[in-house]
Structure formats: C-alpha cells, structure tokens
C-alpha cells in the first residue's frame, strides 16, 4: 500500500514537472534583448528631446533582437524614459516586425498600436518630421 502511494506521488510529480517545464519553454525570454536595446539605443528611445537617429551599434542590437517580444515586456516604469512611439519607429527603421494588431506594446493596446504604427510610418516618410 505504501509503495502504491509513493508511486502515485512520483507519477504526479513527473506530470507536474512536464506541464510546468513545457509552459516555461513556451514563454519568450527576451529580457537580455531588451537590456541590449535599451543600452545601445538609449539616445534614440529617450522620451525627452528631439528624435536621434540610431547609431550603427543600436541598429545591430535591434537586428539581432526579437523586437515584438521586447515590445510586449516593456513595463510602465520603463515607459517613463523609453518612448513607445520612438521604439516603434526604430523597429520600422530596422525593418523589424512589431506586435500584431490585438497585442500590446508596453501600455499601448492593440487597436491604438495599429494606429500608432501607421502614424509612425507616415511620420517617418513626412518631410515635416512631426513625429520626431
């Protein structure tokens, strides 16, 4: 009887381990990418001041990072010094995909994100540079 209880516990523990490991593997881990982009693109992403074109080191950091993932994990605290508008503009400049409609980028929700992305692209192409 004791052997049966131990065996049931071991099986239950294995099933739990498999289920939680699978979930952990499915979660995207792009925190390292986010830190790299924050450091290399600090001037480009700053909330205050005029837009600063990205340096080559920033462009390389963006090109090797999962920008859509980073967009989803930007915290409200980080948005104090990281401009989501400039982040989206940087992604577009480097031809990197941003989250699909319906997903968030920082605190910007899906529908707003789509409108914002379109405005970023239009602003990038406009001569007035009103989105700089």
C-alpha atoms as a PDB file:
ATOM      1  CA  UNK A   1       0.000   0.000   0.000  1.00  0.00           C
ATOM      2  CA  UNK A   2       2.800   2.447   0.898  1.00  0.00           C
ATOM      3  CA  UNK A   3       4.602   1.575  -2.353  1.00  0.00           C
ATOM      4  CA  UNK A   4       1.447   2.407  -4.341  1.00  0.00           C
ATOM      5  CA  UNK A   5       1.162   5.827  -2.654  1.00  0.00           C
ATOM      6  CA  UNK A   6       4.830   6.586  -3.347  1.00  0.00           C
ATOM      7  CA  UNK A   7       4.438   5.547  -6.978  1.00  0.00           C
ATOM      8  CA  UNK A   8       1.347   7.753  -7.374  1.00  0.00           C
ATOM      9  CA  UNK A   9       3.220  10.686  -5.850  1.00  0.00           C
ATOM     10  CA  UNK A  10       6.193  10.180  -8.194  1.00  0.00           C
ATOM     11  CA  UNK A  11       3.906   9.993 -11.255  1.00  0.00           C
ATOM     12  CA  UNK A  12       2.027  13.099 -10.144  1.00  0.00           C
ATOM     13  CA  UNK A  13       5.316  14.951  -9.578  1.00  0.00           C
ATOM     14  CA  UNK A  14       6.572  13.949 -13.050  1.00  0.00           C
ATOM     15  CA  UNK A  15       3.352  15.087 -14.728  1.00  0.00           C
ATOM     16  CA  UNK A  16       3.516  18.399 -12.860  1.00  0.00           C
ATOM     17  CA  UNK A  17       7.164  18.839 -13.863  1.00  0.00           C
ATOM     18  CA  UNK A  18       6.408  18.120 -17.527  1.00  0.00           C
ATOM     19  CA  UNK A  19       3.495  20.562 -17.604  1.00  0.00           C
ATOM     20  CA  UNK A  20       5.378  23.398 -15.921  1.00  0.00           C
ATOM     21  CA  UNK A  21       8.538  22.830 -17.974  1.00  0.00           C
ATOM     22  CA  UNK A  22       6.532  22.985 -21.191  1.00  0.00           C
ATOM     23  CA  UNK A  23       4.979  26.278 -20.131  1.00  0.00           C
ATOM     24  CA  UNK A  24       8.366  27.735 -19.233  1.00  0.00           C
ATOM     25  CA  UNK A  25       9.768  26.701 -22.605  1.00  0.00           C
ATOM     26  CA  UNK A  26       6.816  28.307 -24.385  1.00  0.00           C
ATOM     27  CA  UNK A  27       7.349  31.658 -22.658  1.00  0.00           C
ATOM     28  CA  UNK A  28       9.517  34.033 -24.585  1.00  0.00           C
ATOM     29  CA  UNK A  29      12.631  35.201 -22.809  1.00  0.00           C
ATOM     30  CA  UNK A  30      13.847  38.375 -24.428  1.00  0.00           C
ATOM     31  CA  UNK A  31      14.870  40.281 -21.315  1.00  0.00           C
ATOM     32  CA  UNK A  32      18.511  40.152 -22.443  1.00  0.00           C
ATOM     33  CA  UNK A  33      17.493  41.554 -25.833  1.00  0.00           C
ATOM     34  CA  UNK A  34      15.533  44.318 -24.108  1.00  0.00           C
ATOM     35  CA  UNK A  35      18.511  45.332 -21.970  1.00  0.00           C
ATOM     36  CA  UNK A  36      20.806  45.309 -25.015  1.00  0.00           C
ATOM     37  CA  UNK A  37      18.459  47.557 -26.999  1.00  0.00           C
ATOM     38  CA  UNK A  38      17.930  49.859 -24.003  1.00  0.00           C
ATOM     39  CA  UNK A  39      21.685  50.340 -23.598  1.00  0.00           C
ATOM     40  CA  UNK A  40      22.631  50.587 -27.291  1.00  0.00           C
ATOM     41  CA  UNK A  41      19.647  52.744 -28.289  1.00  0.00           C
ATOM     42  CA  UNK A  42      19.276  54.921 -25.208  1.00  0.00           C
ATOM     43  CA  UNK A  43      19.516  58.261 -27.065  1.00  0.00           C
ATOM     44  CA  UNK A  44      17.126  57.120 -29.806  1.00  0.00           C
ATOM     45  CA  UNK A  45      14.492  55.905 -27.323  1.00  0.00           C
ATOM     46  CA  UNK A  46      14.609  58.816 -24.861  1.00  0.00           C
ATOM     47  CA  UNK A  47      11.233  60.367 -24.132  1.00  0.00           C
ATOM     48  CA  UNK A  48      12.544  63.922 -23.913  1.00  0.00           C
ATOM     49  CA  UNK A  49      14.273  65.909 -26.605  1.00  0.00           C
ATOM     50  CA  UNK A  50      14.341  65.545 -30.375  1.00  0.00           C
ATOM     51  CA  UNK A  51      14.486  62.163 -32.060  1.00  0.00           C
ATOM     52  CA  UNK A  52      18.061  60.951 -32.549  1.00  0.00           C
ATOM     53  CA  UNK A  53      18.772  58.639 -35.487  1.00  0.00           C
ATOM     54  CA  UNK A  54      20.067  55.246 -34.325  1.00  0.00           C
ATOM     55  CA  UNK A  55      23.816  54.631 -34.286  1.00  0.00           C
ATOM     56  CA  UNK A  56      25.212  51.530 -36.028  1.00  0.00           C
ATOM     57  CA  UNK A  57      25.582  49.770 -32.654  1.00  0.00           C
ATOM     58  CA  UNK A  58      21.881  50.404 -31.963  1.00  0.00           C
ATOM     59  CA  UNK A  59      20.870  49.097 -35.382  1.00  0.00           C
ATOM     60  CA  UNK A  60      22.930  45.916 -34.821  1.00  0.00           C
ATOM     61  CA  UNK A  61      21.290  45.421 -31.410  1.00  0.00           C
ATOM     62  CA  UNK A  62      17.811  45.802 -32.927  1.00  0.00           C
ATOM     63  CA  UNK A  63      18.613  43.495 -35.848  1.00  0.00           C
ATOM     64  CA  UNK A  64      19.674  40.676 -33.521  1.00  0.00           C
ATOM     65  CA  UNK A  65      16.760  41.138 -31.088  1.00  0.00           C
ATOM     66  CA  UNK A  66      13.158  39.971 -31.004  1.00  0.00           C
ATOM     67  CA  UNK A  67      11.549  43.403 -31.119  1.00  0.00           C
ATOM     68  CA  UNK A  68       7.970  42.118 -30.976  1.00  0.00           C
ATOM     69  CA  UNK A  69       8.810  40.235 -27.768  1.00  0.00           C
ATOM     70  CA  UNK A  70      10.557  43.247 -26.256  1.00  0.00           C
ATOM     71  CA  UNK A  71       7.529  45.355 -27.081  1.00  0.00           C
ATOM     72  CA  UNK A  72       5.313  43.014 -25.048  1.00  0.00           C
ATOM     73  CA  UNK A  73       7.515  43.138 -21.936  1.00  0.00           C
ATOM     74  CA  UNK A  74       8.209  46.873 -21.678  1.00  0.00           C
ATOM     75  CA  UNK A  75       6.908  47.899 -18.269  1.00  0.00           C
ATOM     76  CA  UNK A  76       5.060  51.112 -17.366  1.00  0.00           C
ATOM     77  CA  UNK A  77       8.076  52.066 -15.237  1.00  0.00           C
ATOM     78  CA  UNK A  78      10.349  51.798 -18.295  1.00  0.00           C
ATOM     79  CA  UNK A  79       7.968  53.956 -20.311  1.00  0.00           C
ATOM     80  CA  UNK A  80       9.000  56.865 -18.116  1.00  0.00           C
ATOM     81  CA  UNK A  81      12.253  57.004 -20.101  1.00  0.00           C
ATOM     82  CA  UNK A  82      11.519  54.800 -23.165  1.00  0.00           C
ATOM     83  CA  UNK A  83       9.207  56.286 -25.791  1.00  0.00           C
ATOM     84  CA  UNK A  84       6.994  53.577 -27.282  1.00  0.00           C
ATOM     85  CA  UNK A  85       6.468  55.781 -30.343  1.00  0.00           C
ATOM     86  CA  UNK A  86      10.223  56.006 -30.852  1.00  0.00           C
ATOM     87  CA  UNK A  87      10.593  52.294 -30.145  1.00  0.00           C
ATOM     88  CA  UNK A  88       8.103  51.534 -32.935  1.00  0.00           C
ATOM     89  CA  UNK A  89       9.841  53.989 -35.249  1.00  0.00           C
ATOM     90  CA  UNK A  90      13.182  52.306 -34.521  1.00  0.00           C
ATOM     91  CA  UNK A  91      11.680  48.896 -35.274  1.00  0.00           C
ATOM     92  CA  UNK A  92      10.303  50.175 -38.591  1.00  0.00           C
ATOM     93  CA  UNK A  93      13.634  51.805 -39.454  1.00  0.00           C
ATOM     94  CA  UNK A  94      15.383  48.464 -38.905  1.00  0.00           C
ATOM     95  CA  UNK A  95      12.648  46.520 -40.752  1.00  0.00           C
ATOM     96  CA  UNK A  96      11.759  44.505 -37.657  1.00  0.00           C
ATOM     97  CA  UNK A  97       8.212  43.288 -37.015  1.00  0.00           C
ATOM     98  CA  UNK A  98       6.239  44.774 -34.156  1.00  0.00           C
ATOM     99  CA  UNK A  99       3.374  43.027 -32.325  1.00  0.00           C
ATOM    100  CA  UNK A 100       0.366  42.124 -34.421  1.00  0.00           C
ATOM    101  CA  UNK A 101      -2.900  44.022 -34.056  1.00  0.00           C
ATOM    102  CA  UNK A 102      -4.614  42.916 -30.876  1.00  0.00           C
ATOM    103  CA  UNK A 103      -1.341  42.619 -28.967  1.00  0.00           C
ATOM    104  CA  UNK A 104       0.161  45.305 -26.745  1.00  0.00           C
ATOM    105  CA  UNK A 105       3.374  47.254 -26.899  1.00  0.00           C
ATOM    106  CA  UNK A 106       4.137  48.462 -23.409  1.00  0.00           C
ATOM    107  CA  UNK A 107       0.929  50.099 -22.224  1.00  0.00           C
ATOM    108  CA  UNK A 108      -0.288  50.835 -25.762  1.00  0.00           C
ATOM    109  CA  UNK A 109      -3.165  48.468 -26.529  1.00  0.00           C
ATOM    110  CA  UNK A 110      -3.729  46.610 -29.799  1.00  0.00           C
ATOM    111  CA  UNK A 111      -6.046  48.972 -31.718  1.00  0.00           C
ATOM    112  CA  UNK A 112      -4.073  52.016 -30.596  1.00  0.00           C
ATOM    113  CA  UNK A 113      -0.877  50.197 -31.517  1.00  0.00           C
ATOM    114  CA  UNK A 114      -2.065  49.715 -35.089  1.00  0.00           C
ATOM    115  CA  UNK A 115      -2.960  53.405 -35.452  1.00  0.00           C
ATOM    116  CA  UNK A 116       0.287  54.444 -33.795  1.00  0.00           C
ATOM    117  CA  UNK A 117       2.329  52.178 -36.076  1.00  0.00           C
ATOM    118  CA  UNK A 118       0.661  53.685 -39.139  1.00  0.00           C
ATOM    119  CA  UNK A 119       1.351  57.207 -37.854  1.00  0.00           C
ATOM    120  CA  UNK A 120       4.970  56.293 -37.124  1.00  0.00           C
ATOM    121  CA  UNK A 121       5.393  55.085 -40.697  1.00  0.00           C
ATOM    122  CA  UNK A 122       3.702  58.194 -42.080  1.00  0.00           C
ATOM    123  CA  UNK A 123       5.770  60.435 -39.812  1.00  0.00           C
ATOM    124  CA  UNK A 124       8.935  58.715 -40.916  1.00  0.00           C
ATOM    125  CA  UNK A 125       8.053  59.466 -44.525  1.00  0.00           C
ATOM    126  CA  UNK A 126       6.854  63.020 -43.972  1.00  0.00           C
ATOM    127  CA  UNK A 127       9.198  65.940 -44.554  1.00  0.00           C
ATOM    128  CA  UNK A 128       7.843  67.916 -41.620  1.00  0.00           C
ATOM    129  CA  UNK A 129       9.051  65.282 -39.162  1.00  0.00           C
ATOM    130  CA  UNK A 130       6.146  65.947 -36.809  1.00  0.00           C
ATOM    131  CA  UNK A 131       6.737  62.520 -35.213  1.00  0.00           C
ATOM    132  CA  UNK A 132      10.372  63.187 -34.440  1.00  0.00           C
END
